[in-house]
Amino acid sequence: MQHHRLRIQDITLHVVTDGPSDGPSVVLLHGFPEFWYGWRKQIPALAQAGFRVIVPDQRGYNLSDKPRGVAAYDIEALVRDVIGVFDHFGLERARLVGHDWGATVAWTVAIQAPERLEKLVILNVPHPDIMIHFLLRDPIQRRKSWYIFLFQLPFLPEWLLSRNDFRALAKILVQSGRRNTFYEADLMEYKRAWAQPRALTAMLNWYRAAFHRALRGRWSPNRRPSRPVRVPTRMLWGKHDIALNIEMARPSIELCERGDLIVFPEATHWVQHDAADEVNRHLIEFLG
């Protein structure tokens, strides 16, 4: 693997690449609280299959810049980062894969700039309109999403998650996965990333920026989910996701003009870790 420092917009992003430079390009977007390392089980498999794999630390994470202020993490800025990565590597169109918050960004790229995508793969996150619909109208999903409201508080979430060497944040990972989803060596890598200066606040600011956008009325509670996705889409969903209701998966894929849904009955929210070989097979088959 190669490590790069790219100047995108007004920040610098750390990006990992692997695979042949002339292969079809695949961009992998991680979510909270991971970084490029969250794709460690996919990068070598995709590279060996002939893909040019491009994996950024998204803004606020690990070795990428961490601009101050909540507004710097608005979804529009996150989308521009991805388009900037495409432009840097000369990609008129690319294959885009996202998990967790990375999936939210990937959905939004597909909605706003479908001409830049060949194909889209989403792991365990619903279409943004479906997510808003369920948060507003489904009490089960609101209970599952309690942490979003906690993260809106200043200072307290950072203290709770970082004290005792990030014990609480590591516990969230371990308890939300299967028994062997995360090993101690993995947690050490994550803790090094979380300990980067201003990283934890920047990571939480993704949630705060989304909440601020909702309060400004940018996501209207009365608007029915309607924004279609015209890019060929595959959704991979671990059934045992403690944070996101699987009932949101089917309505999401129904908003895709050409989409299919694959459910992993034994996997959790961390499906790319729990069922790595099977996920890799579906990625290679669909993206190839």
Protein backbone atom coordinates (compact mmCIF):
# COMPACT_ATOMS: atom_id res chain seq x y z
CA MET A 1 0.00 0.00 0.00
CA GLN A 2 1.03 3.58 -0.63
CA HIS A 3 0.23 6.59 1.54
CA HIS A 4 -0.52 10.01 0.07
CA ARG A 5 -1.23 13.53 1.33
CA LEU A 6 -3.72 15.23 -1.00
CA ARG A 7 -4.68 18.88 -0.96
CA ILE A 8 -8.47 18.85 -1.41
CA GLN A 9 -10.48 22.06 -1.11
CA ASP A 10 -8.71 23.89 1.74
CA ILE A 11 -7.60 20.82 3.72
CA THR A 12 -5.17 17.92 3.39
CA LEU A 13 -6.49 14.37 3.30
CA HIS A 14 -4.45 11.25 4.05
CA VAL A 15 -5.21 8.60 1.42
CA VAL A 16 -4.11 4.98 1.09
CA THR A 17 -3.92 3.33 -2.33
CA ASP A 18 -3.26 -0.21 -3.51
CA GLY A 19 -3.59 -2.26 -6.67
CA PRO A 20 -2.59 -1.59 -10.29
CA SER A 21 -2.63 2.08 -11.30
CA ASP A 22 -4.39 1.21 -14.57
CA GLY A 23 -7.12 -0.90 -12.94
CA PRO A 24 -10.74 0.19 -12.52
CA SER A 25 -10.86 2.57 -9.55
CA VAL A 26 -12.76 1.83 -6.35
CA VAL A 27 -13.04 4.44 -3.59
CA LEU A 28 -13.83 3.13 -0.09
CA LEU A 29 -15.36 5.49 2.50
CA HIS A 30 -15.20 4.55 6.19
CA GLY A 31 -17.58 5.63 8.94
CA PHE A 32 -17.54 6.39 12.68
CA PRO A 33 -15.34 5.70 14.57
CA GLU A 34 -13.05 4.02 12.04
CA PHE A 35 -10.52 5.29 9.49
CA TRP A 36 -8.95 3.74 6.40
CA TYR A 37 -7.98 0.73 8.54
CA GLY A 38 -11.66 -0.26 8.67
CA TRP A 39 -11.25 -1.60 5.11
CA ARG A 40 -8.13 -3.65 5.90
CA LYS A 41 -9.90 -6.89 4.96
CA GLN A 42 -11.16 -5.51 1.63
CA ILE A 43 -8.13 -3.59 0.30
CA PRO A 44 -5.87 -6.59 -0.51
CA ALA A 45 -8.72 -8.64 -1.98
CA LEU A 46 -9.81 -5.83 -4.30
CA ALA A 47 -6.22 -5.05 -5.28
CA GLN A 48 -5.53 -8.70 -6.06
CA ALA A 49 -8.67 -8.74 -8.22
CA GLY A 50 -7.16 -5.95 -10.31
CA PHE A 51 -8.85 -2.88 -8.87
CA ARG A 52 -7.10 0.39 -8.13
CA VAL A 53 -8.18 0.88 -4.51
CA ILE A 54 -8.35 4.41 -3.06
CA VAL A 55 -9.13 4.76 0.65
CA PRO A 56 -9.16 8.21 2.29
CA ASP A 57 -9.18 9.06 5.94
CA GLN A 58 -12.19 11.35 5.71
CA ARG A 59 -11.87 14.86 7.12
CA GLY A 60 -11.54 14.88 10.88
CA TYR A 61 -10.20 11.33 11.07
CA ASN A 62 -6.76 9.89 11.81
CA LEU A 63 -4.09 11.64 9.70
CA SER A 64 -6.40 13.89 7.67
CA ASP A 65 -6.90 17.53 8.61
CA LYS A 66 -9.40 18.41 11.31
CA PRO A 67 -10.83 21.87 10.56
CA ARG A 68 -12.37 23.62 13.52
CA GLY A 69 -16.09 24.25 13.86
CA VAL A 70 -19.17 22.15 13.25
CA ALA A 71 -19.95 23.77 9.88
CA ALA A 72 -16.78 22.28 8.39
CA TYR A 73 -18.42 18.84 8.58
CA ASP A 74 -21.65 19.62 6.75
CA ILE A 75 -22.59 16.95 4.22
CA GLU A 76 -21.92 19.32 1.31
CA ALA A 77 -18.28 19.67 2.38
CA LEU A 78 -17.95 15.91 2.80
CA VAL A 79 -19.29 15.32 -0.71
CA ARG A 80 -16.88 17.89 -2.16
CA ASP A 81 -14.01 16.01 -0.50
CA VAL A 82 -14.97 12.82 -2.34
CA ILE A 83 -15.32 14.61 -5.66
CA GLY A 84 -11.94 16.22 -4.98
CA VAL A 85 -10.38 12.78 -4.50
CA PHE A 86 -11.88 11.69 -7.82
CA ASP A 87 -10.44 14.76 -9.53
CA HIS A 88 -6.99 14.31 -7.98
CA PHE A 89 -6.71 10.78 -9.36
CA GLY A 90 -8.17 11.78 -12.73
CA LEU A 91 -11.38 9.80 -12.29
CA GLU A 92 -14.18 11.04 -14.49
CA ARG A 93 -16.28 8.22 -13.02
CA ALA A 94 -15.53 5.77 -10.23
CA ARG A 95 -16.97 2.92 -8.22
CA LEU A 96 -17.87 4.11 -4.72
CA VAL A 97 -18.29 1.98 -1.58
CA GLY A 98 -19.37 3.37 1.78
CA HIS A 99 -20.05 2.07 5.28
CA ASP A 100 -21.75 3.89 8.17
CA TRP A 101 -21.15 7.67 7.76
CA GLY A 102 -19.14 6.85 4.66
CA ALA A 103 -22.29 5.28 3.25
CA THR A 104 -24.27 8.46 3.96
CA VAL A 105 -21.68 10.43 2.00
CA ALA A 106 -21.74 7.83 -0.78
CA TRP A 107 -25.55 7.98 -1.02
CA THR A 108 -25.36 11.77 -1.27
CA VAL A 109 -22.72 11.66 -4.00
CA ALA A 110 -24.96 9.29 -5.96
CA ILE A 111 -27.96 11.60 -5.51
CA GLN A 112 -26.16 14.85 -6.30
CA ALA A 113 -23.54 13.77 -8.84
CA PRO A 114 -24.62 10.48 -10.44
CA GLU A 115 -22.60 11.31 -13.54
CA ARG A 116 -19.41 10.78 -11.48
CA LEU A 117 -20.25 7.20 -10.48
CA GLU A 118 -20.08 3.89 -12.30
CA LYS A 119 -21.53 1.85 -9.43
CA LEU A 120 -22.45 2.28 -5.77
CA VAL A 121 -22.16 -0.16 -2.86
CA ILE A 122 -23.72 0.67 0.52
CA LEU A 123 -23.02 -1.19 3.75
CA ASN A 124 -25.53 -0.98 6.61
CA VAL A 125 -26.88 2.54 6.19
CA PRO A 126 -30.25 3.52 4.69
CA HIS A 127 -30.89 6.13 2.03
CA PRO A 128 -30.74 9.54 3.80
CA ASP A 129 -34.42 10.28 3.14
CA ILE A 130 -35.42 6.93 4.61
CA MET A 131 -33.27 7.57 7.68
CA ILE A 132 -34.93 10.93 8.32
CA HIS A 133 -38.37 9.41 7.77
CA PHE A 134 -37.73 6.68 10.36
CA LEU A 135 -36.12 9.04 12.87
CA LEU A 136 -39.20 11.24 12.76
CA ARG A 137 -41.86 8.55 12.69
CA ASP A 138 -40.48 5.32 14.13
CA PRO A 139 -40.00 5.18 17.93
CA ILE A 140 -37.87 2.03 17.66
CA GLN A 141 -35.30 3.79 15.46
CA ARG A 142 -35.35 6.87 17.69
CA ARG A 143 -34.46 4.67 20.67
CA LYS A 144 -31.68 3.03 18.67
CA SER A 145 -30.34 6.48 17.74
CA TRP A 146 -30.21 7.88 21.29
CA TYR A 147 -26.47 8.48 21.01
CA ILE A 148 -27.02 11.06 18.23
CA PHE A 149 -28.69 13.32 20.76
CA LEU A 150 -25.98 12.72 23.36
CA PHE A 151 -23.35 13.72 20.81
CA GLN A 152 -24.95 17.16 20.43
CA LEU A 153 -23.75 18.18 23.89
CA PRO A 154 -20.48 20.13 24.08
CA PHE A 155 -17.44 18.59 25.79
CA LEU A 156 -19.29 15.82 27.66
CA PRO A 157 -19.25 13.22 24.84
CA GLU A 158 -15.54 13.82 24.25
CA TRP A 159 -14.85 13.28 27.96
CA LEU A 160 -17.02 10.18 28.24
CA LEU A 161 -15.56 8.51 25.15
CA SER A 162 -11.89 9.37 25.70
CA ARG A 163 -11.36 8.83 29.43
CA ASN A 164 -9.40 5.80 30.60
CA ASP A 165 -7.64 5.41 27.23
CA PHE A 166 -10.86 5.52 25.16
CA ARG A 167 -12.34 2.68 27.15
CA ALA A 168 -15.97 3.61 26.41
CA LEU A 169 -15.43 4.06 22.67
CA ALA A 170 -13.57 0.76 22.42
CA LYS A 171 -16.38 -0.89 24.39
CA ILE A 172 -18.93 0.43 21.90
CA LEU A 173 -17.05 -1.25 19.07
CA VAL A 174 -16.64 -4.55 20.88
CA GLN A 175 -20.21 -4.79 22.18
CA SER A 176 -21.82 -3.82 18.87
CA GLY A 177 -19.93 -6.51 16.96
CA ARG A 178 -19.62 -10.26 17.14
CA ARG A 179 -17.29 -11.96 19.57
CA ASN A 180 -14.27 -11.79 17.24
CA THR A 181 -15.12 -8.71 15.18
CA PHE A 182 -12.44 -6.58 16.85
CA TYR A 183 -9.25 -7.91 18.38
CA GLU A 184 -7.03 -6.11 20.86
CA ALA A 185 -4.53 -5.31 18.11
CA ASP A 186 -7.32 -3.65 16.12
CA LEU A 187 -8.38 -1.58 19.12
CA MET A 188 -4.81 -0.35 19.51
CA GLU A 189 -4.85 0.92 15.93
CA TYR A 190 -8.16 2.68 16.48
CA LYS A 191 -6.96 4.27 19.72
CA ARG A 192 -3.92 5.68 17.94
CA ALA A 193 -6.24 7.29 15.39
CA TRP A 194 -8.66 8.61 18.04
CA ALA A 195 -5.74 10.13 19.99
CA GLN A 196 -4.72 12.39 17.11
CA PRO A 197 -5.05 16.06 18.14
CA ARG A 198 -8.69 17.27 17.88
CA ALA A 199 -9.72 13.98 16.24
CA LEU A 200 -12.51 12.99 18.61
CA THR A 201 -14.23 16.38 18.45
CA ALA A 202 -13.92 16.37 14.66
CA MET A 203 -15.44 12.89 14.46
CA LEU A 204 -18.37 13.93 16.65
CA ASN A 205 -18.84 17.08 14.60
CA TRP A 206 -20.15 14.94 11.75
CA TYR A 207 -23.19 14.18 13.95
CA ARG A 208 -23.46 17.77 15.12
CA ALA A 209 -23.35 19.14 11.58
CA ALA A 210 -26.13 16.80 10.49
CA PHE A 211 -28.26 17.82 13.48
CA HIS A 212 -27.65 21.52 12.78
CA ARG A 213 -28.72 21.00 9.17
CA ALA A 214 -31.94 19.37 10.35
CA LEU A 215 -32.63 22.25 12.75
CA ARG A 216 -32.15 24.75 9.92
CA GLY A 217 -34.95 23.02 8.06
CA ARG A 218 -32.74 21.64 5.33
CA TRP A 219 -34.36 18.24 5.98
CA SER A 220 -38.08 18.91 6.02
CA PRO A 221 -40.12 16.51 8.20
CA ASN A 222 -43.02 16.77 5.76
CA ARG A 223 -41.10 15.84 2.63
CA ARG A 224 -41.74 12.27 1.56
CA PRO A 225 -38.67 10.18 0.68
CA SER A 226 -38.43 10.78 -3.03
CA ARG A 227 -34.89 11.41 -4.23
CA PRO A 228 -34.09 8.53 -6.59
CA VAL A 229 -30.71 6.91 -7.10
CA ARG A 230 -29.98 6.21 -10.75
CA VAL A 231 -26.57 4.63 -10.24
CA PRO A 232 -26.47 0.79 -10.19
CA THR A 233 -26.51 0.03 -6.47
CA ARG A 234 -25.86 -2.97 -4.25
CA MET A 235 -26.67 -2.83 -0.54
CA LEU A 236 -25.02 -5.24 1.92
CA TRP A 237 -26.68 -5.33 5.35
CA GLY A 238 -25.70 -7.19 8.52
CA LYS A 239 -28.97 -8.16 10.17
CA HIS A 240 -27.78 -7.78 13.78
CA ASP A 241 -27.18 -4.03 13.65
CA ILE A 242 -27.92 -2.59 17.09
CA ALA A 243 -28.05 1.01 15.83
CA LEU A 244 -29.94 0.83 12.53
CA ASN A 245 -33.23 -0.98 11.95
CA ILE A 246 -33.12 -3.47 9.08
CA GLU A 247 -36.66 -2.32 8.21
CA MET A 248 -34.99 0.67 6.53
CA ALA A 249 -33.05 -1.46 4.06
CA ARG A 250 -35.82 -2.49 1.67
CA PRO A 251 -37.37 1.00 1.31
CA SER A 252 -33.88 2.33 0.60
CA ILE A 253 -33.15 -0.09 -2.21
CA GLU A 254 -36.60 0.59 -3.67
CA LEU A 255 -35.46 4.18 -4.27
CA CYS A 256 -32.72 2.81 -6.54
CA GLU A 257 -33.63 2.39 -10.18
CA ARG A 258 -31.19 -0.54 -10.45
CA GLY A 259 -30.55 -1.94 -7.02
CA ASP A 260 -30.30 -5.18 -5.08
CA LEU A 261 -30.17 -5.98 -1.37
CA ILE A 262 -28.12 -8.76 0.21
CA VAL A 263 -28.72 -9.51 3.91
CA PHE A 264 -26.10 -11.23 6.06
CA PRO A 265 -28.14 -13.03 8.73
CA GLU A 266 -25.26 -13.55 11.18
CA ALA A 267 -23.42 -10.24 10.72
CA THR A 268 -23.64 -7.02 12.70
CA HIS A 269 -23.28 -3.37 11.74
CA TRP A 270 -19.63 -4.22 11.00
CA VAL A 271 -20.51 -6.53 8.14
CA GLN A 272 -17.23 -5.97 6.26
CA HIS A 273 -15.40 -7.34 9.32
CA ASP A 274 -17.84 -10.09 10.28
CA ALA A 275 -18.25 -11.61 6.81
CA ALA A 276 -15.15 -10.30 5.06
CA ASP A 277 -14.73 -13.10 2.51
CA GLU A 278 -18.37 -13.02 1.47
CA VAL A 279 -18.45 -9.22 1.34
CA ASN A 280 -15.30 -9.25 -0.80
CA ARG A 281 -16.86 -11.73 -3.18
CA HIS A 282 -19.95 -9.57 -3.61
CA LEU A 283 -17.84 -6.44 -4.08
CA ILE A 284 -15.64 -8.02 -6.76
CA GLU A 285 -18.63 -9.55 -8.55
CA PHE A 286 -20.68 -6.35 -8.58
CA LEU A 287 -17.91 -3.83 -9.20
CA GLY A 288 -16.08 -5.84 -11.85
